Protein backbone atom coordinates (compact mmCIF):
# COMPACT_ATOMS: atom_id res chain seq x y z
CA MET A 1 -108.72 -15.76 20.88
CA LYS A 2 -106.29 -12.91 21.60
CA ARG A 3 -108.46 -10.41 19.72
CA LEU A 4 -111.57 -11.45 21.64
CA VAL A 5 -109.80 -11.05 24.99
CA LEU A 6 -108.52 -7.59 24.00
CA SER A 7 -112.00 -6.56 22.86
CA PHE A 8 -113.48 -7.61 26.20
CA TYR A 9 -110.97 -5.61 28.22
CA PHE A 10 -111.37 -2.57 25.94
CA LEU A 11 -115.13 -2.66 26.58
CA LEU A 12 -114.54 -2.99 30.32
CA ILE A 13 -112.13 -0.03 30.48
CA ALA A 14 -114.34 2.19 28.31
CA SER A 15 -117.36 1.50 30.53
CA LEU A 16 -115.40 2.36 33.68
CA LEU A 17 -114.21 5.65 32.16
CA LEU A 18 -117.79 6.47 31.23
CA ALA A 19 -118.86 5.80 34.81
CA GLN A 20 -116.34 8.35 36.13
CA GLY A 21 -118.10 11.10 34.22
CA GLN A 22 -121.41 10.58 35.98
CA LYS A 23 -122.51 12.28 39.22
CA GLN A 24 -120.94 10.28 42.00
CA GLU A 25 -122.90 12.01 44.78
CA VAL A 26 -126.05 10.32 43.49
CA TYR A 27 -124.52 6.85 43.76
CA ARG A 28 -123.25 7.03 47.33
CA ASP A 29 -126.67 6.51 48.89
CA PHE A 30 -127.62 3.44 46.84
CA SER A 31 -127.25 -0.31 47.11
CA ARG A 32 -124.94 -1.90 44.55
CA TRP A 33 -124.81 -5.64 45.36
CA SER A 34 -127.10 -8.37 44.03
CA LEU A 35 -127.32 -12.16 44.39
CA GLY A 36 -129.11 -14.43 41.94
CA VAL A 37 -129.95 -18.07 41.35
CA ASN A 38 -130.65 -19.52 37.88
CA GLY A 39 -131.75 -22.85 36.40
CA GLY A 40 -132.62 -24.09 32.94
CA ILE A 41 -131.63 -26.19 29.92
CA SER A 42 -128.34 -26.50 28.01
CA ALA A 43 -126.97 -27.75 24.68
CA PHE A 44 -123.51 -28.17 23.16
CA ARG A 45 -121.69 -28.69 19.88
CA GLY A 46 -118.42 -30.56 19.34
CA ASP A 47 -117.75 -33.75 17.41
CA MET A 48 -120.95 -34.81 19.16
CA ILE A 49 -123.88 -32.40 19.19
CA SER A 50 -127.08 -32.04 21.23
CA PHE A 51 -129.12 -31.55 18.04
CA SER A 52 -127.90 -34.80 16.51
CA ALA A 53 -128.92 -36.71 13.39
CA ASP A 54 -131.27 -39.11 15.23
CA LYS A 55 -132.73 -36.99 18.08
CA THR A 56 -132.39 -33.88 20.22
CA TYR A 57 -130.71 -34.20 23.62
CA LEU A 58 -131.27 -31.32 26.05
CA GLY A 59 -129.24 -31.03 29.23
CA VAL A 60 -129.76 -29.15 32.48
CA GLN A 61 -127.80 -26.36 34.13
CA GLY A 62 -128.04 -24.36 37.36
CA GLY A 63 -125.93 -21.91 39.26
CA LEU A 64 -125.40 -18.71 41.23
CA GLN A 65 -124.46 -15.15 40.29
CA LEU A 66 -123.01 -12.31 42.35
CA GLY A 67 -123.23 -8.80 40.92
CA TYR A 68 -121.79 -5.39 41.75
CA GLN A 69 -123.17 -2.27 40.07
CA PHE A 70 -120.77 0.64 39.47
CA THR A 71 -123.29 2.92 37.70
CA PRO A 72 -126.84 2.65 36.32
CA THR A 73 -125.25 1.58 33.02
CA PHE A 74 -122.37 -0.71 33.98
CA GLY A 75 -121.63 -3.46 36.50
CA LEU A 76 -119.67 -6.67 36.96
CA SER A 77 -120.95 -10.11 37.90
CA LEU A 78 -119.39 -13.45 38.77
CA THR A 79 -121.27 -16.64 37.82
CA ALA A 80 -120.72 -20.28 38.79
CA ASP A 81 -122.71 -23.02 37.01
CA LEU A 82 -122.95 -26.81 37.11
CA GLY A 83 -124.53 -28.76 34.27
CA ARG A 84 -124.76 -31.93 32.27
CA GLY A 85 -125.80 -32.71 28.73
CA LYS A 86 -125.91 -35.37 26.02
CA GLY A 87 -125.10 -35.42 22.33
CA SER A 88 -124.63 -37.75 19.39
CA ALA A 89 -123.33 -37.66 15.81
CA LYS A 90 -124.01 -35.02 13.20
CA GLU A 91 -125.69 -36.12 9.99
CA TRP A 92 -122.42 -36.17 8.00
CA GLU A 93 -120.46 -37.94 10.77
CA LYS A 94 -122.66 -40.99 11.34
CA GLU A 95 -120.24 -43.35 9.61
CA TYR A 96 -117.10 -42.01 11.28
CA LYS A 97 -115.28 -44.54 13.47
CA ILE A 98 -113.99 -44.17 17.02
CA TYR A 99 -111.97 -46.39 19.39
CA PRO A 100 -112.60 -46.93 23.13
CA ASN A 101 -109.79 -44.50 24.00
CA GLY A 102 -111.74 -41.68 22.31
CA GLU A 103 -109.48 -41.46 19.27
CA SER A 104 -111.18 -41.15 15.88
CA TYR A 105 -110.25 -43.17 12.80
CA TYR A 106 -110.83 -41.94 9.25
CA GLY A 107 -109.17 -44.72 7.24
CA THR A 108 -110.73 -47.66 5.40
CA ASP A 109 -109.12 -50.50 7.39
CA PRO A 110 -109.80 -49.91 11.12
CA GLU A 111 -108.56 -52.18 13.88
CA ALA A 112 -110.93 -54.24 16.03
CA GLY A 113 -112.87 -52.57 18.83
CA PHE A 114 -114.09 -49.53 16.98
CA ALA A 115 -117.68 -48.21 16.90
CA TYR A 116 -119.50 -45.87 14.58
CA TYR A 117 -120.28 -42.35 15.78
CA ASN A 118 -123.96 -43.02 15.07
CA ASP A 119 -124.01 -45.92 17.56
CA LEU A 120 -122.73 -43.84 20.47
CA TYR A 121 -123.73 -40.86 22.51
CA SER A 122 -121.66 -38.58 24.71
CA GLU A 123 -122.59 -37.53 28.24
CA ILE A 124 -120.82 -34.46 29.62
CA LYS A 125 -120.68 -33.04 33.11
CA TYR A 126 -119.21 -29.56 33.35
CA PHE A 127 -118.45 -26.70 35.69
CA THR A 128 -117.92 -23.09 34.57
CA VAL A 129 -116.98 -19.85 36.29
CA GLY A 130 -117.58 -16.62 34.37
CA LEU A 131 -116.59 -12.96 34.82
CA HIS A 132 -119.17 -10.73 33.11
CA GLY A 133 -119.37 -7.05 32.23
CA ASP A 134 -123.07 -6.14 32.57
CA LEU A 135 -124.30 -3.34 30.30
CA ASN A 136 -127.80 -1.88 30.72
CA VAL A 137 -128.87 -1.60 27.07
CA ASN A 138 -131.82 0.68 27.96
CA ASN A 139 -129.49 3.52 28.95
CA PHE A 140 -127.76 3.57 25.56
CA PHE A 141 -131.03 4.64 23.90
CA GLY A 142 -131.92 7.53 26.22
CA ARG A 143 -134.82 5.78 27.95
CA LYS A 144 -133.45 5.97 31.48
CA GLU A 145 -136.94 6.19 32.95
CA MET A 146 -137.80 2.65 31.79
CA ARG A 147 -137.23 0.73 34.98
CA ARG A 148 -139.83 -2.04 35.13
CA TRP A 149 -138.21 -3.98 32.24
CA THR A 150 -134.46 -3.96 31.61
CA VAL A 151 -132.22 -5.65 29.01
CA LEU A 152 -128.66 -6.57 30.04
CA LEU A 153 -125.87 -7.48 27.63
CA SER A 154 -123.01 -9.32 29.38
CA PRO A 155 -119.81 -10.28 27.50
CA ALA A 156 -117.76 -12.71 29.59
CA VAL A 157 -114.58 -14.74 30.06
CA TYR A 158 -115.11 -18.32 31.34
CA LEU A 159 -113.03 -20.87 33.19
CA GLN A 160 -114.31 -24.31 32.09
CA LYS A 161 -113.91 -27.89 33.32
CA PHE A 162 -115.46 -30.87 31.45
CA SER A 163 -115.86 -34.55 32.37
CA PRO A 164 -117.12 -36.52 29.32
CA LYS A 165 -118.07 -40.20 28.91
CA LEU A 166 -119.12 -42.24 25.84
CA TYR A 167 -121.97 -44.79 25.92
CA THR A 168 -123.46 -47.16 23.38
CA LYS A 169 -127.03 -46.43 22.41
CA ALA A 170 -127.81 -50.14 22.57
CA GLY A 171 -127.87 -50.97 26.27
CA ASP A 172 -126.40 -47.68 27.54
CA LYS A 173 -123.05 -49.35 28.26
CA ARG A 174 -119.80 -47.48 28.75
CA PHE A 175 -117.74 -47.50 25.59
CA ASP A 176 -114.66 -45.48 26.56
CA THR A 177 -113.72 -47.63 29.60
CA SER A 178 -110.03 -46.97 29.07
CA SER A 179 -110.37 -43.34 27.99
CA THR A 180 -108.04 -40.94 29.75
CA LEU A 181 -108.53 -37.86 27.59
CA ASP A 182 -106.93 -34.70 28.93
CA ASN A 183 -109.70 -32.38 30.15
CA ASP A 184 -107.86 -29.84 32.23
CA LEU A 185 -109.20 -26.37 32.96
CA ASN A 186 -109.43 -24.13 29.91
CA LEU A 187 -110.58 -20.61 29.01
CA GLY A 188 -113.54 -19.70 26.85
CA LEU A 189 -115.20 -16.51 25.65
CA GLY A 190 -118.88 -15.72 25.23
CA GLY A 191 -121.63 -13.91 27.06
CA ASP A 192 -125.27 -13.65 28.07
CA ILE A 193 -128.28 -11.53 27.23
CA ALA A 194 -130.82 -11.17 30.03
CA LEU A 195 -134.30 -9.71 30.29
CA ARG A 196 -135.13 -8.61 33.84
CA TYR A 197 -138.49 -7.66 35.31
CA ARG A 198 -138.66 -5.64 38.52
CA ALA A 199 -141.07 -7.69 40.67
CA GLY A 200 -140.44 -5.71 43.87
CA LYS A 201 -138.11 -3.35 45.68
CA HIS A 202 -135.72 -6.20 46.51
CA VAL A 203 -136.48 -8.79 43.80
CA ASP A 204 -136.05 -9.06 40.01
CA LEU A 205 -137.19 -11.96 37.83
CA GLN A 206 -134.78 -12.91 35.04
CA LEU A 207 -134.85 -14.73 31.71
CA LYS A 208 -131.30 -15.34 30.44
CA SER A 209 -129.69 -16.95 27.41
CA GLY A 210 -125.97 -17.43 26.95
CA MET A 211 -123.33 -19.07 24.78
CA ALA A 212 -119.62 -19.73 25.31
CA TRP A 213 -116.95 -20.84 22.88
CA VAL A 214 -115.09 -24.01 23.97
CA SER A 215 -111.41 -24.16 23.01
CA ASN A 216 -111.04 -27.76 24.29
CA ASN A 217 -111.21 -30.01 21.20
CA HIS A 218 -112.20 -33.17 23.09
CA PHE A 219 -114.53 -31.80 25.78
CA ASP A 220 -117.24 -34.15 24.47
CA GLY A 221 -115.15 -37.33 24.90
CA VAL A 222 -114.04 -37.52 21.25
CA ALA A 223 -110.47 -36.66 20.26
CA THR A 224 -110.09 -35.44 16.68
CA CYS A 225 -107.60 -33.57 14.58
CA CYS A 226 -110.24 -31.03 13.56
CA THR A 227 -110.43 -27.39 14.60
CA SER A 228 -112.30 -26.39 17.76
CA LYS A 229 -113.42 -22.97 16.55
CA TYR A 230 -117.00 -24.18 16.07
CA ASN A 231 -117.33 -25.80 19.52
CA TRP A 232 -119.81 -24.11 21.84
CA LEU A 233 -121.89 -24.55 25.00
CA ALA A 234 -125.25 -22.75 25.27
CA ASN A 235 -127.97 -22.39 27.90
CA LEU A 236 -131.41 -20.90 28.47
CA SER A 237 -132.44 -20.28 32.08
CA VAL A 238 -134.83 -18.46 34.39
CA GLY A 239 -133.84 -16.99 37.72
CA VAL A 240 -134.45 -14.69 40.66
CA VAL A 241 -132.14 -11.80 41.61
CA TRP A 242 -132.11 -10.32 45.12
CA LYS A 243 -130.85 -6.75 45.59
CA ILE A 244 -128.86 -6.59 48.81
CA GLY A 245 -128.90 -3.75 51.32
CA ASN A 246 -131.42 -1.33 49.79
CA ASN A 247 -133.44 -0.26 52.84
CA LYS A 248 -136.13 2.43 52.99
CA LYS A 249 -133.62 5.13 52.09
CA LYS A 250 -132.04 3.24 49.21
CA GLU A 251 -133.05 2.11 45.75
CA ASN A 252 -131.23 -0.12 43.27
CA LEU A 253 -129.46 2.02 40.68
CA MET A 254 -130.26 -0.06 37.64
CA TYR A 255 -133.96 -0.33 38.50
CA ALA A 256 -135.25 2.89 40.03
CA SER A 257 -138.39 2.62 42.16
CA SER A 258 -141.70 2.65 40.34
CA ARG A 259 -143.95 1.95 43.28
CA ARG A 260 -146.92 4.22 43.81
CA VAL A 261 -147.02 6.26 46.99
CA THR A 262 -150.52 6.78 48.35
CA PRO A 263 -150.40 9.76 50.69
CA THR A 264 -152.53 9.84 53.79
CA SER A 265 -152.69 13.61 53.44
CA LEU A 266 -152.44 15.92 50.49
CA PRO A 267 -148.83 15.90 49.20
CA VAL A 268 -148.49 19.68 49.34
CA LYS A 269 -145.15 21.37 48.90
CA GLN A 270 -144.34 23.30 52.01
CA GLU A 271 -143.28 26.91 51.58
CA GLU A 272 -141.57 29.17 54.06
CA ALA A 273 -143.83 31.69 55.68
CA LYS A 274 -143.31 35.14 54.25
CA PRO A 275 -143.75 38.35 56.26
CA ALA A 276 -147.15 39.86 55.77
CA VAL A 277 -147.27 42.82 53.42
CA LYS A 278 -149.28 45.71 54.72
CA GLU A 279 -151.98 46.71 52.32
CA LYS A 280 -154.42 49.49 52.55
CA PRO A 281 -157.74 47.80 53.26
CA SER A 282 -161.01 49.04 51.89
CA VAL A 283 -163.29 49.72 54.77
CA GLU A 284 -166.95 50.22 55.28
CA MET A 285 -167.91 52.85 57.84
CA ARG A 286 -170.89 52.05 59.95
CA VAL A 287 -172.27 54.57 62.43
CA LYS A 288 -174.10 53.31 65.42
CA GLU A 289 -177.08 55.50 66.10
CA GLU A 290 -178.15 56.05 69.69
CA SER A 291 -181.09 57.80 71.14
CA GLN A 292 -178.66 60.18 72.71
CA PRO A 293 -175.74 61.85 70.91
CA VAL A 294 -172.60 59.75 71.20
CA GLU A 295 -169.32 59.49 69.37
CA ASN A 296 -169.29 57.56 66.09
CA VAL A 297 -168.21 53.91 66.47
CA VAL A 298 -166.28 52.66 63.41
CA LYS A 299 -166.15 48.92 62.55
CA VAL A 300 -163.45 47.89 60.02
CA GLU A 301 -163.97 44.74 57.91
CA SER A 302 -161.29 43.53 55.45
CA THR A 303 -162.52 42.49 52.03
CA VAL A 304 -159.10 41.12 50.84
CA LYS A 305 -159.27 37.32 50.25
CA GLU A 306 -155.98 35.43 50.43
CA PHE A 307 -155.12 32.80 47.81
CA PRO A 308 -155.01 29.37 49.51
CA LEU A 309 -152.31 26.72 49.22
CA LEU A 310 -153.64 24.26 46.64
CA PRO A 311 -153.02 20.48 46.56
CA THR A 312 -150.51 18.97 44.12
CA VAL A 313 -151.12 16.35 41.45
CA HIS A 314 -148.57 13.54 40.94
CA PHE A 315 -147.68 11.39 37.93
CA LYS A 316 -146.42 7.94 37.01
CA ARG A 317 -142.84 7.64 35.80
CA ASN A 318 -142.31 8.95 32.25
CA SER A 319 -145.99 9.97 31.97
CA SER A 320 -147.89 13.24 31.62
CA ILE A 321 -151.37 11.70 31.94
CA ILE A 322 -153.39 12.86 34.96
CA ASP A 323 -155.08 10.12 37.00
CA THR A 324 -158.40 11.96 37.33
CA ALA A 325 -159.97 9.18 39.40
CA ARG A 326 -157.20 9.12 41.98
CA TYR A 327 -156.93 12.92 42.22
CA ALA A 328 -160.64 13.77 41.91
CA VAL A 329 -160.76 15.55 45.28
CA GLN A 330 -157.58 17.56 44.64
CA LEU A 331 -158.68 18.59 41.15
CA ALA A 332 -162.12 19.62 42.39
CA ARG A 333 -160.50 21.85 45.01
CA VAL A 334 -158.30 23.57 42.37
CA VAL A 335 -161.33 24.19 40.12
CA GLU A 336 -163.37 25.53 43.05
CA VAL A 337 -160.70 28.04 44.10
CA LEU A 338 -159.96 29.33 40.58
CA LYS A 339 -163.67 29.81 39.83
CA SER A 340 -164.15 31.69 43.09
CA MET A 341 -161.20 33.99 42.30
CA PRO A 342 -161.48 34.74 38.56
CA ASP A 343 -159.33 37.87 38.79
CA VAL A 344 -156.32 36.00 40.20
CA LYS A 345 -153.67 34.92 37.69
CA VAL A 346 -151.89 31.63 38.48
CA ASP A 347 -148.75 29.78 37.38
CA ILE A 348 -148.86 26.02 36.77
CA ARG A 349 -145.39 24.51 37.23
CA GLY A 350 -144.50 20.93 36.30
CA TYR A 351 -141.66 18.86 37.81
CA THR A 352 -139.93 15.48 37.30
CA ASP A 353 -137.82 13.18 39.46
CA HIS A 354 -134.02 12.98 39.06
CA THR A 355 -133.87 9.81 36.96
CA GLY A 356 -133.23 11.15 33.46
CA PRO A 357 -131.19 13.97 31.87
CA ASP A 358 -132.47 17.54 31.36
CA ARG A 359 -133.14 16.92 27.68
CA VAL A 360 -135.81 14.43 28.79
CA ASN A 361 -136.99 16.05 32.02
CA LEU A 362 -137.59 19.63 30.82
CA PRO A 363 -140.08 18.80 28.02
CA LEU A 364 -141.73 16.14 30.22
CA SER A 365 -142.30 18.62 33.08
CA LEU A 366 -143.83 21.13 30.62
CA LYS A 367 -146.18 18.45 29.27
CA ARG A 368 -147.37 17.74 32.81
CA ALA A 369 -148.13 21.42 33.40
CA GLU A 370 -149.94 21.68 30.06
CA ALA A 371 -151.99 18.57 30.90
CA LEU A 372 -153.34 20.22 34.06
CA LYS A 373 -154.08 23.47 32.19
CA THR A 374 -156.00 21.54 29.53
CA TYR A 375 -158.01 19.80 32.24
CA LEU A 376 -158.87 23.09 33.99
CA VAL A 377 -159.88 24.76 30.71
CA GLY A 378 -162.25 21.84 30.19
CA LYS A 379 -163.79 22.62 33.60
CA GLY A 380 -164.49 26.24 32.64
CA ILE A 381 -161.34 28.02 33.84
CA PRO A 382 -160.25 30.69 31.31
CA ALA A 383 -156.94 29.87 29.61
CA ALA A 384 -155.79 33.49 30.05
CA GLN A 385 -155.94 33.03 33.82
CA MET A 386 -153.12 30.41 33.70
CA ASN A 387 -149.46 30.28 32.61
CA VAL A 388 -147.54 26.99 32.34
CA PHE A 389 -143.86 26.28 33.06
CA GLY A 390 -141.65 23.18 32.85
CA GLU A 391 -139.14 23.27 35.70
CA GLY A 392 -137.45 19.90 35.08
CA LYS A 393 -136.08 18.12 38.16
CA ASP A 394 -137.76 18.99 41.46
CA LEU A 395 -135.03 20.45 43.68
CA SER A 396 -137.32 21.06 46.66
CA VAL A 397 -137.81 17.44 47.76
CA ASP A 398 -135.62 15.59 50.26
CA LYS A 399 -132.67 13.65 48.86
CA LYS A 400 -134.32 10.33 49.74
CA ASP A 401 -137.32 11.24 47.55
CA ILE A 402 -135.55 12.44 44.39
CA TYR A 403 -136.51 9.24 42.50
CA SER A 404 -139.98 8.87 44.01
CA GLU A 405 -143.47 9.99 43.07
CA LYS A 406 -143.17 13.01 45.36
CA ALA A 407 -140.88 14.67 42.80
CA ARG A 408 -143.15 13.95 39.79
CA LYS A 409 -145.82 16.62 40.26
CA VAL A 410 -147.62 19.78 39.16
CA GLU A 411 -148.23 22.77 41.44
CA VAL A 412 -150.67 25.70 41.07
CA ARG A 413 -149.54 28.96 42.71
CA LYS A 414 -150.69 32.58 42.58
CA ARG A 415 -148.65 34.60 40.13
CA LYS A 416 -146.28 36.98 41.87
């Protein structure tokens, strides 16, 4: 017990120290709180067990959870659950004897009033409060751009309260009418593993399974002299988690936005106007002939054609595949301009959002640029006309858009 408690606190402290090393300026603008509701089935094991010798008894459990997220990797949550379950004897305990006060008898000459374990079942009502350390398992494997599905591992310490009763299987009558077993509050250790699916900006769906060790040796209504190290309470539940306070300028840290932004106009990166550079134009001299001698009239026409600002192409999270159907108009415009200006060399620069580290973002941004070059070569644009670059995180977008589709793009610009 002591070792398990020390291990839990060591994990908690290590996670908090890890959080301090991450960029705090990113976290200030994000929502951290969440509220969830869960409901499902439960089972237990003590002297009585839900998976008994004669049948399987499944209980029910429901409760609330309140979470606070320190970083994308670590958070804390507080859970409160109510439940009830049933259990009967194990296969090797069917002939054990028990008295109405809950005390077991293992001798050969029992007193009157006993019953066999196999003729009884235990009904338990319980209430638990748990403090969990929530670890985002995805982030330990370098896949920080996976945000639609997330796996959480949550070791926990529980405060437990049990209210057991024994009944006879024949007639469902109370057996332990005089039982006054001590079932005060006790501590238990355990944890949950949860699979969450991001259903919307404010809502996650959750499938959760958990198990807690029970140190109370008569939580099931049976008092024995045996060890309690094998006693446990388990549950399987589904739930809904609401993320609190993330308005239009905020996203939940653990589940970055993956919604698609459909622009009403071309999402073109705005550039500051640069002073015009004077160039010596080539001119064509035209002399107006008159019937009478007059001075020559010179008309100057510029033949220099400026390179236009081309539309950008955007990508899904963690992808370098171009959606050619969605960006058909933008791609056609890029092809048209490059074919009309074959002597102009261009740079294709790829960018990513700010979700992952540079070791992920730099190669991903280069793949996006190469994907557009490959597409343009397929449309007849010479490869020598284009250079590709992977710029990593897009530093030109507004702070509110650093995790959005606006930052995941490829631009085509005239080479300077």
